[in-house]
N, C-alpha and C. Protein backbone atom coordinates (compact mmCIF):
# COMPACT_ATOMS: atom_id res chain seq x y z
N MET A 1 0.87 -1.10 -0.09
CA MET A 1 0.09 -0.31 -0.04
C MET A 1 1.12 1.22 -0.33
N ILE A 2 0.18 2.20 -0.88
CA ILE A 2 1.41 3.29 -0.66
C ILE A 2 0.58 4.38 -0.50
N TYR A 3 0.80 5.72 -0.75
CA TYR A 3 -0.28 7.04 -0.68
C TYR A 3 -0.06 8.03 -2.05
N ILE A 4 -0.67 7.97 -2.32
CA ILE A 4 -0.85 8.88 -3.68
C ILE A 4 -1.76 10.19 -3.12
N ASN A 5 -1.24 11.26 -4.63
CA ASN A 5 -1.91 12.30 -4.37
C ASN A 5 -2.87 12.50 -5.48
N LYS A 6 -3.66 13.45 -6.04
CA LYS A 6 -4.56 13.32 -6.88
C LYS A 6 -4.06 13.21 -8.36
N HIS A 7 -2.88 13.89 -9.00
CA HIS A 7 -2.60 13.85 -9.78
C HIS A 7 -1.44 12.46 -9.91
N GLN A 8 -1.24 11.58 -9.15
CA GLN A 8 -0.20 9.99 -9.34
C GLN A 8 -1.07 9.37 -9.79
N PRO A 9 -0.51 8.07 -10.84
CA PRO A 9 -1.37 7.45 -11.17
C PRO A 9 -1.57 5.92 -10.19
N PHE A 10 -2.50 4.98 -10.09
CA PHE A 10 -2.33 4.25 -8.62
C PHE A 10 -1.11 3.15 -9.14
N PRO A 11 -0.98 2.79 -8.02
CA PRO A 11 0.48 1.78 -8.35
C PRO A 11 -0.10 0.79 -8.32
N ASP A 12 0.75 -0.58 -8.95
CA ASP A 12 1.21 -1.74 -9.40
C ASP A 12 -0.04 -2.44 -8.72
N TYR A 13 -0.16 -3.54 -8.80
CA TYR A 13 -0.93 -4.31 -7.67
C TYR A 13 -0.29 -4.84 -6.81
N SER A 14 0.81 -5.36 -7.33
CA SER A 14 1.73 -6.09 -6.38
C SER A 14 1.97 -4.99 -4.92
N TYR A 15 1.76 -3.75 -4.51
CA TYR A 15 1.61 -2.98 -3.95
C TYR A 15 0.39 -3.27 -2.61
N ALA A 16 -0.43 -3.59 -2.92
CA ALA A 16 -2.17 -4.39 -2.14
C ALA A 16 -0.93 -5.19 -0.92
N ASP A 17 -2.00 -4.69 0.40
CA ASP A 17 -1.48 -5.07 1.72
C ASP A 17 -2.44 -6.46 1.03
N GLU A 18 -2.30 -7.70 2.40
CA GLU A 18 -3.13 -9.37 2.17
C GLU A 18 -4.82 -8.63 2.37
N ASP A 19 -4.82 -7.82 2.51
CA ASP A 19 -6.25 -7.99 2.57
C ASP A 19 -7.02 -6.51 0.79
N GLY A 20 -6.29 -6.49 0.29
CA GLY A 20 -6.61 -5.59 -0.80
C GLY A 20 -6.11 -4.07 -1.17
N LEU A 21 -5.92 -3.85 0.71
CA LEU A 21 -5.41 -2.31 0.49
C LEU A 21 -4.26 -2.07 -0.53
N LEU A 22 -4.81 -1.30 -1.39
CA LEU A 22 -3.52 -0.85 -2.87
C LEU A 22 -3.01 0.12 -2.29
N ALA A 23 -3.91 1.73 -1.81
CA ALA A 23 -3.27 2.99 -2.41
C ALA A 23 -3.91 3.84 -1.28
N VAL A 24 -4.07 5.10 -0.47
CA VAL A 24 -4.64 6.36 0.39
C VAL A 24 -4.50 7.07 -0.40
N GLY A 25 -5.03 7.76 -0.16
CA GLY A 25 -5.11 9.31 -0.82
C GLY A 25 -5.84 9.44 -2.72
N ALA A 26 -5.40 10.67 -2.90
CA ALA A 26 -6.35 11.18 -4.00
C ALA A 26 -7.45 11.70 -3.94
N ASP A 27 -8.87 11.49 -5.04
CA ASP A 27 -9.87 12.06 -4.68
C ASP A 27 -10.68 11.42 -5.31
N LEU A 28 -11.99 12.04 -5.69
CA LEU A 28 -13.08 11.09 -5.78
C LEU A 28 -13.64 11.63 -7.02
N SER A 29 -12.73 12.27 -7.67
CA SER A 29 -13.39 13.35 -9.05
C SER A 29 -13.93 11.66 -10.06
N VAL A 30 -14.93 12.22 -10.82
CA VAL A 30 -14.95 11.58 -12.20
C VAL A 30 -13.94 10.48 -12.92
N GLU A 31 -13.22 11.47 -13.33
CA GLU A 31 -11.67 10.77 -13.75
C GLU A 31 -10.81 10.06 -12.74
N ARG A 32 -10.62 10.25 -11.74
CA ARG A 32 -10.48 8.87 -10.80
C ARG A 32 -11.29 7.80 -10.77
N LEU A 33 -12.49 7.90 -10.40
CA LEU A 33 -13.73 6.59 -10.32
C LEU A 33 -13.59 5.79 -11.25
N LEU A 34 -13.05 6.83 -12.68
CA LEU A 34 -13.39 5.94 -14.34
C LEU A 34 -12.52 4.85 -13.81
N ASP A 35 -11.06 5.26 -14.08
CA ASP A 35 -9.80 4.76 -13.95
C ASP A 35 -9.67 3.61 -13.07
N ALA A 36 -10.51 4.17 -11.95
CA ALA A 36 -10.01 2.82 -10.77
C ALA A 36 -11.14 1.76 -11.13
N TYR A 37 -12.33 2.14 -11.50
CA TYR A 37 -13.28 0.93 -11.56
C TYR A 37 -12.86 0.19 -12.87
N SER A 38 -11.92 0.77 -14.47
CA SER A 38 -11.43 0.19 -15.10
C SER A 38 -10.30 -0.69 -15.04
N LYS A 39 -9.99 -0.69 -13.64
CA LYS A 39 -8.26 -1.24 -13.12
C LYS A 39 -8.94 -2.00 -12.02
N GLY A 40 -10.11 -2.24 -11.69
CA GLY A 40 -10.87 -3.25 -10.56
C GLY A 40 -10.46 -2.85 -9.24
N ILE A 41 -10.55 -1.13 -9.29
CA ILE A 41 -10.58 -1.15 -7.98
C ILE A 41 -11.14 -0.20 -7.81
N PHE A 42 -11.81 -0.14 -6.40
CA PHE A 42 -12.54 0.36 -5.32
C PHE A 42 -12.63 1.16 -4.04
N PRO A 43 -12.61 2.25 -3.82
CA PRO A 43 -12.88 3.32 -3.03
C PRO A 43 -13.76 3.04 -1.64
N TRP A 44 -13.53 2.92 -0.64
CA TRP A 44 -14.09 2.05 0.88
C TRP A 44 -13.35 2.49 1.99
N TYR A 45 -14.33 3.12 2.41
CA TYR A 45 -13.32 3.75 3.49
C TYR A 45 -14.37 4.63 4.64
N ASN A 46 -14.09 5.12 5.95
CA ASN A 46 -15.09 5.81 6.55
C ASN A 46 -14.80 7.30 6.98
N ASP A 47 -15.85 7.88 7.52
CA ASP A 47 -15.44 9.74 7.57
C ASP A 47 -14.60 9.96 8.21
N GLY A 48 -13.71 10.54 7.99
CA GLY A 48 -12.60 10.80 9.14
C GLY A 48 -11.21 10.74 8.72
N GLN A 49 -11.16 9.03 7.26
CA GLN A 49 -10.31 8.50 7.18
C GLN A 49 -10.41 9.28 5.39
N PRO A 50 -8.94 9.24 5.05
CA PRO A 50 -8.64 9.53 3.90
C PRO A 50 -8.84 8.93 2.69
N VAL A 51 -9.12 8.44 1.24
CA VAL A 51 -9.82 7.85 0.80
C VAL A 51 -8.53 6.32 0.74
N LEU A 52 -9.42 5.01 0.69
CA LEU A 52 -8.81 4.08 0.27
C LEU A 52 -9.17 3.22 -0.37
N TRP A 53 -8.04 2.96 -1.77
CA TRP A 53 -8.62 2.25 -2.89
C TRP A 53 -7.98 0.49 -2.39
N TRP A 54 -8.68 -0.43 -2.84
CA TRP A 54 -9.22 -1.76 -2.78
C TRP A 54 -9.18 -2.43 -4.15
N SER A 55 -8.43 -3.71 -4.17
CA SER A 55 -7.91 -4.57 -4.99
C SER A 55 -8.13 -6.24 -4.58
N PRO A 56 -8.56 -6.49 -3.52
CA PRO A 56 -9.05 -8.12 -2.90
C PRO A 56 -8.52 -8.70 -4.22
N ASP A 57 -8.22 -9.31 -3.11
CA ASP A 57 -7.54 -11.09 -3.99
C ASP A 57 -7.58 -11.78 -2.81
N PRO A 58 -8.45 -12.88 -3.14
CA PRO A 58 -9.74 -13.03 -4.18
C PRO A 58 -10.84 -12.19 -4.18
N ARG A 59 -11.73 -12.26 -5.06
CA ARG A 59 -12.20 -11.30 -5.48
C ARG A 59 -13.42 -11.80 -5.48
N MET A 60 -15.07 -11.61 -5.09
CA MET A 60 -16.14 -12.39 -5.23
C MET A 60 -16.14 -11.85 -6.66
N VAL A 61 -17.37 -12.59 -7.17
CA VAL A 61 -17.91 -12.32 -8.33
C VAL A 61 -19.60 -12.80 -8.40
N LEU A 62 -20.05 -12.31 -9.07
CA LEU A 62 -21.36 -13.37 -9.63
C LEU A 62 -21.66 -13.81 -11.37
N LYS A 63 -21.77 -14.68 -12.06
CA LYS A 63 -21.78 -14.82 -13.21
C LYS A 63 -23.55 -14.80 -13.37
N PRO A 64 -23.77 -13.72 -13.93
CA PRO A 64 -25.12 -13.91 -14.22
C PRO A 64 -25.87 -15.12 -14.36
N ALA A 65 -25.44 -15.88 -15.40
CA ALA A 65 -26.54 -17.19 -15.48
C ALA A 65 -26.54 -18.27 -14.25
N GLU A 66 -25.09 -18.07 -13.40
CA GLU A 66 -25.53 -18.50 -12.12
C GLU A 66 -25.93 -18.16 -10.97
N ILE A 67 -26.84 -17.15 -11.02
CA ILE A 67 -27.74 -16.65 -10.01
C ILE A 67 -28.58 -17.85 -9.35
N HIS A 68 -28.35 -17.91 -7.81
CA HIS A 68 -29.17 -19.06 -7.39
C HIS A 68 -30.31 -18.18 -7.13
N ILE A 69 -31.33 -19.11 -7.58
CA ILE A 69 -32.91 -18.39 -7.53
C ILE A 69 -33.75 -19.99 -6.49
N SER A 70 -34.16 -19.59 -5.31
CA SER A 70 -34.91 -20.33 -3.96
C SER A 70 -36.01 -20.65 -4.59
N LYS A 71 -36.92 -21.69 -4.41
CA LYS A 71 -38.36 -22.09 -4.42
C LYS A 71 -39.22 -20.87 -3.66
N THR A 72 -38.90 -20.14 -2.32
CA THR A 72 -39.28 -19.30 -1.93
C THR A 72 -39.05 -17.91 -3.02
N MET A 73 -38.05 -18.19 -3.31
CA MET A 73 -37.76 -17.05 -4.57
C MET A 73 -38.69 -16.69 -5.59
N LEU A 74 -38.57 -17.79 -6.12
CA LEU A 74 -39.27 -18.17 -7.94
C LEU A 74 -41.23 -18.04 -7.25
N LYS A 75 -41.72 -18.44 -6.25
CA LYS A 75 -42.78 -17.58 -6.25
C LYS A 75 -42.95 -16.83 -6.02
N ILE A 76 -41.72 -15.71 -5.06
CA ILE A 76 -42.08 -14.68 -4.78
C ILE A 76 -42.11 -13.64 -6.29
N LEU A 77 -41.63 -13.87 -7.32
CA LEU A 77 -40.76 -13.73 -8.54
C LEU A 77 -42.51 -13.95 -9.55
N ARG A 78 -42.88 -15.27 -9.01
CA ARG A 78 -43.90 -15.37 -10.15
C ARG A 78 -45.47 -14.76 -9.58
N GLU A 79 -45.33 -14.28 -8.29
CA GLU A 79 -46.65 -13.93 -7.57
C GLU A 79 -46.44 -12.36 -7.87
N LYS A 80 -45.29 -11.96 -8.51
CA LYS A 80 -45.01 -10.55 -8.43
C LYS A 80 -45.52 -9.52 -7.51
N VAL A 81 -44.67 -10.18 -6.21
CA VAL A 81 -44.99 -9.49 -5.12
C VAL A 81 -44.59 -8.16 -4.70
N PHE A 82 -43.48 -8.16 -5.72
CA PHE A 82 -42.57 -6.76 -5.65
C PHE A 82 -42.55 -6.57 -7.00
N ARG A 83 -42.42 -5.03 -7.53
CA ARG A 83 -42.29 -4.36 -8.74
C ARG A 83 -40.53 -3.97 -8.71
N VAL A 84 -40.23 -3.83 -10.51
CA VAL A 84 -39.21 -3.85 -9.63
C VAL A 84 -39.00 -2.35 -11.15
N THR A 85 -37.88 -1.68 -10.55
CA THR A 85 -37.76 -0.35 -12.35
C THR A 85 -35.93 0.07 -11.92
N TYR A 86 -35.99 0.65 -12.96
CA TYR A 86 -34.42 1.10 -13.10
C TYR A 86 -34.21 2.76 -13.29
N ASN A 87 -32.97 2.89 -12.35
CA ASN A 87 -33.01 4.18 -12.39
C ASN A 87 -34.10 5.03 -12.37
N THR A 88 -34.75 4.93 -11.85
CA THR A 88 -36.56 6.21 -11.44
C THR A 88 -35.82 6.79 -10.50
N CYS A 89 -34.47 6.38 -9.28
CA CYS A 89 -34.60 7.00 -8.58
C CYS A 89 -32.98 6.83 -7.57
N PHE A 90 -31.94 7.18 -8.37
CA PHE A 90 -30.96 6.43 -7.96
C PHE A 90 -30.71 7.43 -6.67
N LEU A 91 -30.59 8.60 -6.13
CA LEU A 91 -30.04 8.87 -5.03
C LEU A 91 -31.30 8.23 -4.20
N ASP A 92 -32.44 8.24 -4.18
CA ASP A 92 -33.15 7.25 -2.94
C ASP A 92 -32.30 6.13 -2.69
N VAL A 93 -31.89 5.57 -3.60
CA VAL A 93 -31.67 4.27 -3.48
C VAL A 93 -30.02 4.38 -2.45
N VAL A 94 -29.38 4.97 -3.03
CA VAL A 94 -28.13 5.38 -2.24
C VAL A 94 -28.25 5.79 -0.93
N LEU A 95 -29.25 6.89 -0.80
CA LEU A 95 -29.24 7.44 0.67
C LEU A 95 -30.27 5.76 1.98
N ASN A 96 -30.64 5.42 1.48
CA ASN A 96 -31.40 3.85 1.87
C ASN A 96 -29.92 2.97 2.15
N CYS A 97 -28.82 2.97 1.40
CA CYS A 97 -27.95 2.11 1.84
C CYS A 97 -26.83 2.52 2.33
N LYS A 98 -27.43 4.42 2.30
CA LYS A 98 -25.88 4.86 3.51
C LYS A 98 -26.73 4.77 4.54
N ARG A 99 -28.22 4.69 5.23
CA ARG A 99 -28.56 4.65 6.03
C ARG A 99 -29.45 3.46 7.08
N ILE A 100 -28.99 2.84 6.27
CA ILE A 100 -29.91 1.25 6.71
C ILE A 100 -28.79 0.86 7.75
N LYS A 101 -29.44 0.10 8.93
CA LYS A 101 -28.89 -0.49 9.89
C LYS A 101 -28.91 -2.02 9.57
N ARG A 102 -27.15 -1.94 9.54
CA ARG A 102 -26.60 -2.85 9.56
C ARG A 102 -25.68 -4.04 10.48
N ASP A 103 -26.29 -5.51 10.78
CA ASP A 103 -25.35 -6.02 11.52
C ASP A 103 -24.16 -6.05 12.01
N GLY A 104 -23.02 -5.84 12.98
CA GLY A 104 -21.80 -5.39 13.37
C GLY A 104 -21.03 -4.64 12.88
N GLN A 105 -22.41 -3.36 12.28
CA GLN A 105 -21.27 -2.83 11.96
C GLN A 105 -21.92 -0.89 13.12
N ASN A 106 -21.11 -0.40 12.86
CA ASN A 106 -21.80 1.11 13.61
C ASN A 106 -22.27 2.47 12.85
N GLY A 107 -21.29 1.95 11.63
CA GLY A 107 -21.83 3.28 10.75
C GLY A 107 -22.05 3.19 9.31
N THR A 108 -21.35 3.76 8.48
CA THR A 108 -21.36 3.27 6.88
C THR A 108 -20.74 3.92 6.12
N TRP A 109 -19.88 3.09 5.27
CA TRP A 109 -18.92 3.66 4.46
C TRP A 109 -19.48 4.56 3.18
N ILE A 110 -20.81 4.72 3.14
CA ILE A 110 -21.26 5.68 2.09
C ILE A 110 -21.11 7.29 3.01
N THR A 111 -19.41 7.79 2.64
CA THR A 111 -19.31 9.17 2.82
C THR A 111 -20.54 10.08 2.18
N ASN A 112 -20.90 11.49 3.08
CA ASN A 112 -21.17 12.64 1.94
C ASN A 112 -20.65 12.83 0.78
N GLU A 113 -19.40 12.48 0.57
CA GLU A 113 -18.55 12.68 -0.55
C GLU A 113 -18.29 11.41 -1.68
N MET A 114 -18.91 10.35 -0.93
CA MET A 114 -18.91 9.24 -1.94
C MET A 114 -20.36 9.32 -2.70
N LEU A 115 -21.75 10.04 -1.93
CA LEU A 115 -22.67 10.30 -2.25
C LEU A 115 -22.56 11.21 -3.54
N GLU A 116 -21.87 12.09 -3.13
CA GLU A 116 -21.90 13.24 -4.25
C GLU A 116 -21.29 12.73 -5.38
N ALA A 117 -20.07 12.29 -5.38
CA ALA A 117 -19.54 11.71 -6.48
C ALA A 117 -20.41 10.51 -7.44
N TYR A 118 -21.21 9.35 -6.90
CA TYR A 118 -21.59 8.31 -7.40
C TYR A 118 -22.80 9.10 -8.43
N GLN A 119 -23.00 10.14 -7.67
CA GLN A 119 -24.09 11.27 -8.04
C GLN A 119 -23.50 11.99 -9.66
N LYS A 120 -22.79 12.33 -9.30
CA LYS A 120 -22.45 12.60 -10.73
C LYS A 120 -21.83 11.67 -11.84
N LEU A 121 -21.02 10.04 -10.90
CA LEU A 121 -21.23 9.08 -11.87
C LEU A 121 -22.82 8.67 -13.16
N HIS A 122 -24.00 8.53 -11.76
CA HIS A 122 -24.95 8.74 -12.36
C HIS A 122 -25.74 9.54 -13.74
N GLU A 123 -25.48 10.52 -13.67
CA GLU A 123 -25.78 11.61 -13.89
C GLU A 123 -24.59 11.44 -15.71
N ILE A 124 -23.93 11.02 -15.73
CA ILE A 124 -23.24 10.82 -16.77
C ILE A 124 -23.38 9.28 -17.47
N GLY A 125 -24.18 8.97 -16.63
CA GLY A 125 -24.66 7.27 -17.20
C GLY A 125 -23.65 5.95 -16.79
N VAL A 126 -23.05 6.03 -15.92
CA VAL A 126 -22.11 5.41 -15.24
C VAL A 126 -22.40 4.35 -14.23
N ALA A 127 -23.16 5.34 -13.37
CA ALA A 127 -23.63 4.33 -11.77
C ALA A 127 -24.87 4.48 -12.54
N GLU A 128 -25.36 3.29 -12.05
CA GLU A 128 -27.19 2.84 -12.47
C GLU A 128 -27.52 2.63 -10.81
N SER A 129 -29.18 2.60 -10.68
CA SER A 129 -29.80 1.77 -9.63
C SER A 129 -30.38 0.75 -9.89
N VAL A 130 -30.93 -0.29 -9.67
CA VAL A 130 -32.34 -1.36 -9.07
C VAL A 130 -33.16 -0.69 -8.35
N GLU A 131 -34.48 -0.47 -8.12
CA GLU A 131 -35.52 -0.34 -6.91
C GLU A 131 -36.29 -1.30 -7.11
N VAL A 132 -36.72 -1.68 -6.01
CA VAL A 132 -37.28 -2.50 -5.50
C VAL A 132 -38.65 -1.61 -4.80
N TRP A 133 -40.20 -2.11 -5.39
CA TRP A 133 -41.30 -1.42 -4.79
C TRP A 133 -42.39 -2.57 -4.39
N GLN A 134 -43.19 -2.06 -3.44
CA GLN A 134 -44.59 -2.53 -2.74
C GLN A 134 -45.18 -1.25 -2.25
N ASN A 135 -46.11 -1.57 -2.86
CA ASN A 135 -47.60 -0.98 -2.81
C ASN A 135 -46.52 0.49 -2.94
N ASP A 136 -46.11 1.10 -4.05
CA ASP A 136 -45.68 2.25 -4.09
C ASP A 136 -44.69 2.40 -3.30
N ALA A 137 -44.03 1.93 -2.36
CA ALA A 137 -43.07 2.46 -1.16
C ALA A 137 -41.77 1.34 -2.09
N LEU A 138 -40.84 2.04 -1.90
CA LEU A 138 -39.38 2.05 -1.99
C LEU A 138 -38.77 0.93 -0.90
N VAL A 139 -38.81 -0.01 -1.33
CA VAL A 139 -38.52 -0.95 -0.14
C VAL A 139 -37.37 -2.29 -0.38
N GLY A 140 -36.62 -1.59 -1.66
CA GLY A 140 -35.19 -2.88 -1.51
C GLY A 140 -34.70 -1.88 -3.20
N GLY A 141 -33.36 -2.17 -3.28
CA GLY A 141 -32.70 -2.10 -4.08
C GLY A 141 -31.07 -2.23 -3.50
N LEU A 142 -30.35 -1.74 -5.10
CA LEU A 142 -29.35 -1.82 -4.90
C LEU A 142 -28.32 -0.57 -6.05
N TYR A 143 -27.01 -0.52 -6.18
CA TYR A 143 -26.71 0.57 -6.94
C TYR A 143 -25.30 0.02 -7.08
N GLY A 144 -24.70 0.59 -8.47
CA GLY A 144 -23.17 0.18 -8.66
C GLY A 144 -22.99 0.59 -9.73
N ILE A 145 -21.20 0.44 -10.59
CA ILE A 145 -20.90 1.12 -11.57
C ILE A 145 -21.49 -0.02 -12.97
N ASN A 146 -21.88 0.22 -13.80
CA ASN A 146 -22.12 -0.21 -15.18
C ASN A 146 -20.63 -0.22 -15.98
N LEU A 147 -20.11 -1.43 -16.19
CA LEU A 147 -19.01 -0.96 -17.31
C LEU A 147 -19.29 -1.81 -18.37
N LYS A 148 -20.16 -0.76 -19.26
CA LYS A 148 -20.75 -1.46 -20.66
C LYS A 148 -19.97 -1.93 -21.50
N GLU A 149 -18.91 -1.71 -21.66
CA GLU A 149 -17.70 -1.91 -22.74
C GLU A 149 -17.13 -3.16 -22.31
N LYS A 150 -17.00 -3.37 -20.84
CA LYS A 150 -16.79 -4.43 -20.27
C LYS A 150 -17.42 -5.41 -20.09
N ASN A 151 -18.99 -5.28 -20.31
CA ASN A 151 -19.93 -6.30 -19.78
C ASN A 151 -19.50 -6.72 -18.36
N ILE A 152 -19.34 -6.10 -17.73
CA ILE A 152 -19.29 -5.59 -15.89
C ILE A 152 -20.26 -5.17 -15.47
N PHE A 153 -21.14 -6.07 -14.23
CA PHE A 153 -21.49 -4.48 -13.56
C PHE A 153 -20.57 -4.50 -12.34
N CYS A 154 -20.56 -3.61 -11.19
CA CYS A 154 -19.78 -3.72 -10.41
C CYS A 154 -20.55 -3.20 -9.18
N GLY A 155 -21.13 -3.64 -8.49
CA GLY A 155 -21.91 -3.92 -7.20
C GLY A 155 -21.75 -2.88 -6.31
N GLU A 156 -22.27 -1.89 -5.58
CA GLU A 156 -21.36 -1.26 -4.82
C GLU A 156 -22.46 -1.69 -3.36
N SER A 157 -23.31 -1.70 -2.87
CA SER A 157 -24.19 -1.59 -2.02
C SER A 157 -25.79 -2.09 -2.24
N MET A 158 -26.39 -3.03 -1.15
CA MET A 158 -28.12 -3.38 -1.14
C MET A 158 -28.87 -2.58 -0.39
N PHE A 159 -29.68 -2.78 -0.31
CA PHE A 159 -30.11 -2.70 1.18
C PHE A 159 -31.99 -3.20 0.60
N ALA A 160 -32.71 -3.80 1.92
CA ALA A 160 -33.75 -4.06 1.67
C ALA A 160 -34.50 -3.80 2.99
N LYS A 161 -35.66 -3.28 2.89
CA LYS A 161 -36.37 -2.75 4.02
C LYS A 161 -37.67 -3.65 4.56
N VAL A 162 -37.79 -4.61 3.28
CA VAL A 162 -38.44 -5.87 3.90
C VAL A 162 -38.00 -7.11 3.10
N SER A 163 -38.00 -8.41 3.91
CA SER A 163 -37.51 -9.51 3.36
C SER A 163 -37.84 -9.20 1.83
N ASN A 164 -36.70 -10.11 2.03
CA ASN A 164 -36.63 -11.23 0.02
C ASN A 164 -36.60 -9.07 -0.70
N ALA A 165 -36.32 -8.24 -0.31
CA ALA A 165 -36.22 -7.34 -1.41
C ALA A 165 -35.54 -6.79 -2.42
N SER A 166 -34.15 -7.10 -1.08
CA SER A 166 -32.74 -6.77 -1.90
C SER A 166 -32.11 -8.37 -2.81
N LYS A 167 -33.24 -9.18 -2.83
CA LYS A 167 -32.67 -10.34 -2.94
C LYS A 167 -33.51 -10.83 -4.62
N VAL A 168 -34.40 -9.72 -4.37
CA VAL A 168 -35.33 -9.64 -6.05
C VAL A 168 -34.47 -8.55 -6.69
N ALA A 169 -33.87 -6.80 -6.46
CA ALA A 169 -32.94 -6.64 -6.89
C ALA A 169 -31.83 -7.58 -7.51
N LEU A 170 -31.38 -8.01 -6.83
CA LEU A 170 -30.12 -8.68 -7.46
C LEU A 170 -30.74 -10.41 -8.83
N ILE A 171 -31.88 -10.70 -8.50
CA ILE A 171 -31.55 -11.87 -9.15
C ILE A 171 -32.24 -11.47 -10.54
N THR A 172 -33.41 -9.92 -10.60
CA THR A 172 -33.64 -9.66 -11.55
C THR A 172 -32.69 -9.00 -12.53
N LEU A 173 -31.76 -8.09 -11.39
CA LEU A 173 -30.48 -7.41 -12.16
C LEU A 173 -29.61 -8.64 -12.34
N ALA A 174 -29.03 -9.73 -12.16
CA ALA A 174 -28.69 -10.33 -13.13
C ALA A 174 -29.41 -11.20 -14.52
N GLN A 175 -30.76 -11.63 -14.32
CA GLN A 175 -31.70 -12.00 -14.94
C GLN A 175 -30.89 -11.28 -16.13
N LYS A 176 -31.96 -9.76 -16.18
CA LYS A 176 -31.28 -8.46 -16.95
C LYS A 176 -29.83 -8.61 -18.09
N LEU A 177 -29.09 -8.55 -17.38
CA LEU A 177 -27.62 -8.98 -17.78
C LEU A 177 -27.07 -9.71 -18.29
N GLN A 178 -28.16 -10.98 -18.10
CA GLN A 178 -27.52 -12.24 -18.61
C GLN A 178 -27.97 -11.99 -20.37
N THR A 179 -29.29 -11.32 -20.52
CA THR A 179 -30.27 -10.94 -21.85
C THR A 179 -28.89 -10.56 -22.61
N GLN A 180 -28.32 -9.67 -21.65
CA GLN A 180 -26.78 -8.64 -22.28
C GLN A 180 -25.73 -9.52 -22.97
N ASP A 181 -25.76 -10.41 -22.63
CA ASP A 181 -24.43 -11.41 -22.08
C ASP A 181 -23.15 -10.70 -21.50
N TYR A 182 -23.65 -10.54 -20.01
CA TYR A 182 -22.85 -9.85 -18.95
C TYR A 182 -21.78 -10.85 -18.43
N ASN A 183 -20.97 -10.31 -18.44
CA ASN A 183 -19.63 -11.76 -18.06
C ASN A 183 -19.90 -11.93 -16.17
N LEU A 184 -19.87 -10.58 -15.70
CA LEU A 184 -19.84 -10.37 -14.19
C LEU A 184 -21.00 -9.81 -13.81
N ILE A 185 -20.85 -10.11 -12.54
CA ILE A 185 -21.38 -8.89 -11.43
C ILE A 185 -20.25 -9.06 -10.13
N ASP A 186 -19.25 -7.41 -10.12
CA ASP A 186 -18.63 -7.62 -9.19
C ASP A 186 -19.17 -7.41 -8.15
N CYS A 187 -18.73 -8.23 -6.73
CA CYS A 187 -19.46 -8.65 -5.47
C CYS A 187 -18.12 -8.35 -4.79
N GLN A 188 -17.01 -7.55 -4.99
CA GLN A 188 -16.19 -6.75 -4.44
C GLN A 188 -15.42 -8.24 -3.29
N VAL A 189 -16.45 -8.31 -2.31
CA VAL A 189 -15.65 -9.02 -1.56
C VAL A 189 -16.53 -10.26 -0.39
N TYR A 190 -16.34 -11.65 -0.23
CA TYR A 190 -17.33 -12.28 0.34
C TYR A 190 -18.13 -12.34 1.57
N THR A 191 -19.07 -12.34 1.05
CA THR A 191 -20.16 -12.70 2.95
C THR A 191 -21.00 -14.13 1.93
N GLU A 192 -21.56 -14.81 3.63
CA GLU A 192 -22.17 -16.02 3.37
C GLU A 192 -23.41 -15.58 1.93
N HIS A 193 -23.81 -14.29 2.61
CA HIS A 193 -24.74 -14.05 2.05
C HIS A 193 -24.88 -14.50 0.45
N LEU A 194 -23.90 -13.66 -0.26
CA LEU A 194 -23.53 -13.51 -1.85
C LEU A 194 -23.56 -14.78 -2.35
N GLU A 195 -22.64 -15.39 -1.92
CA GLU A 195 -22.55 -17.06 -2.00
C GLU A 195 -23.83 -18.10 -1.84
N ARG A 196 -24.53 -17.27 -1.07
CA ARG A 196 -26.19 -18.37 -1.43
C ARG A 196 -26.91 -18.14 -2.16
N MET A 197 -26.15 -16.68 -2.89
CA MET A 197 -27.02 -16.05 -3.93
C MET A 197 -26.43 -16.50 -5.20
N GLY A 198 -25.20 -17.22 -5.28
CA GLY A 198 -24.52 -17.80 -6.19
C GLY A 198 -23.03 -17.64 -6.54
N ALA A 199 -22.71 -16.24 -5.62
CA ALA A 199 -21.30 -16.16 -6.03
C ALA A 199 -20.06 -16.84 -5.63
N SER A 200 -19.22 -16.24 -6.22
CA SER A 200 -17.80 -17.25 -5.83
C SER A 200 -16.41 -15.93 -5.90
N GLU A 201 -15.17 -16.53 -5.16
CA GLU A 201 -14.53 -16.15 -5.34
C GLU A 201 -13.03 -16.64 -6.76
N ILE A 202 -12.69 -15.83 -7.32
CA ILE A 202 -12.12 -15.89 -8.05
C ILE A 202 -10.47 -15.32 -7.99
N SER A 203 -9.44 -15.75 -8.74
CA SER A 203 -7.93 -14.63 -8.17
C SER A 203 -7.94 -13.26 -8.99
N ARG A 204 -7.71 -12.40 -8.06
CA ARG A 204 -7.35 -10.91 -8.45
C ARG A 204 -7.14 -10.91 -10.15
N ALA A 205 -6.19 -12.20 -10.52
CA ALA A 205 -5.51 -12.28 -11.92
C ALA A 205 -6.69 -12.34 -12.77
N GLN A 206 -7.67 -13.52 -12.37
CA GLN A 206 -9.03 -13.90 -13.54
C GLN A 206 -9.61 -12.94 -12.99
N PHE A 207 -9.56 -11.88 -11.85
CA PHE A 207 -10.89 -10.92 -12.58
C PHE A 207 -10.49 -9.70 -13.44
N LEU A 208 -9.09 -9.18 -13.11
CA LEU A 208 -8.61 -7.99 -13.82
C LEU A 208 -8.56 -8.89 -15.61
N SER A 209 -8.41 -10.02 -16.20
CA SER A 209 -8.52 -10.78 -17.17
C SER A 209 -10.32 -10.51 -17.48
N TYR A 210 -10.67 -10.12 -17.30
CA TYR A 210 -12.23 -9.79 -17.54
C TYR A 210 -12.08 -8.44 -17.69
N LEU A 211 -11.36 -7.61 -17.26
CA LEU A 211 -10.98 -6.00 -17.68
C LEU A 211 -10.28 -5.65 -18.77
């Protein structure tokens, strides 16, 4: 891991520590973020910290065709319990991801600086959201970076106010991306929930080969 300023490029991946922390510093400009995602690097830090840039090895990914849909979720999808939209209220999705309480976390990594940066990416058509509705209320969703030229969607965060809402967001997105011949949904780091949904770990080298 090395320190960089806003004028310096990202270091070689060999500088990443065992947790995947590659660099510290720079800024969240549109240009920096586009460069980062094109190289498999993403920001993740808390308020009061400098920007921390990560490139974990292994990398958690989900191939759209390998999304796991349980019998319960199949029933929910068939019965149309939820309605799904895309990019109708990006900011609301990010704010919900920021504010939702999560087990084992005291705060959120989605700082106000991050929120503003991703809103700018949304305005140029790079950051996208999936919204899940129930009775006209926003009850779940996710957002991420769509690398259209690479056929990769980089998931950033998801939320659910009612059971299964975030699963519906991920399943629906995976099904949509499958029809568009996308290679991967980047899930960044391992969680049991993502593994149950069909995601698995691959090496950094394998992940970079898709980029």
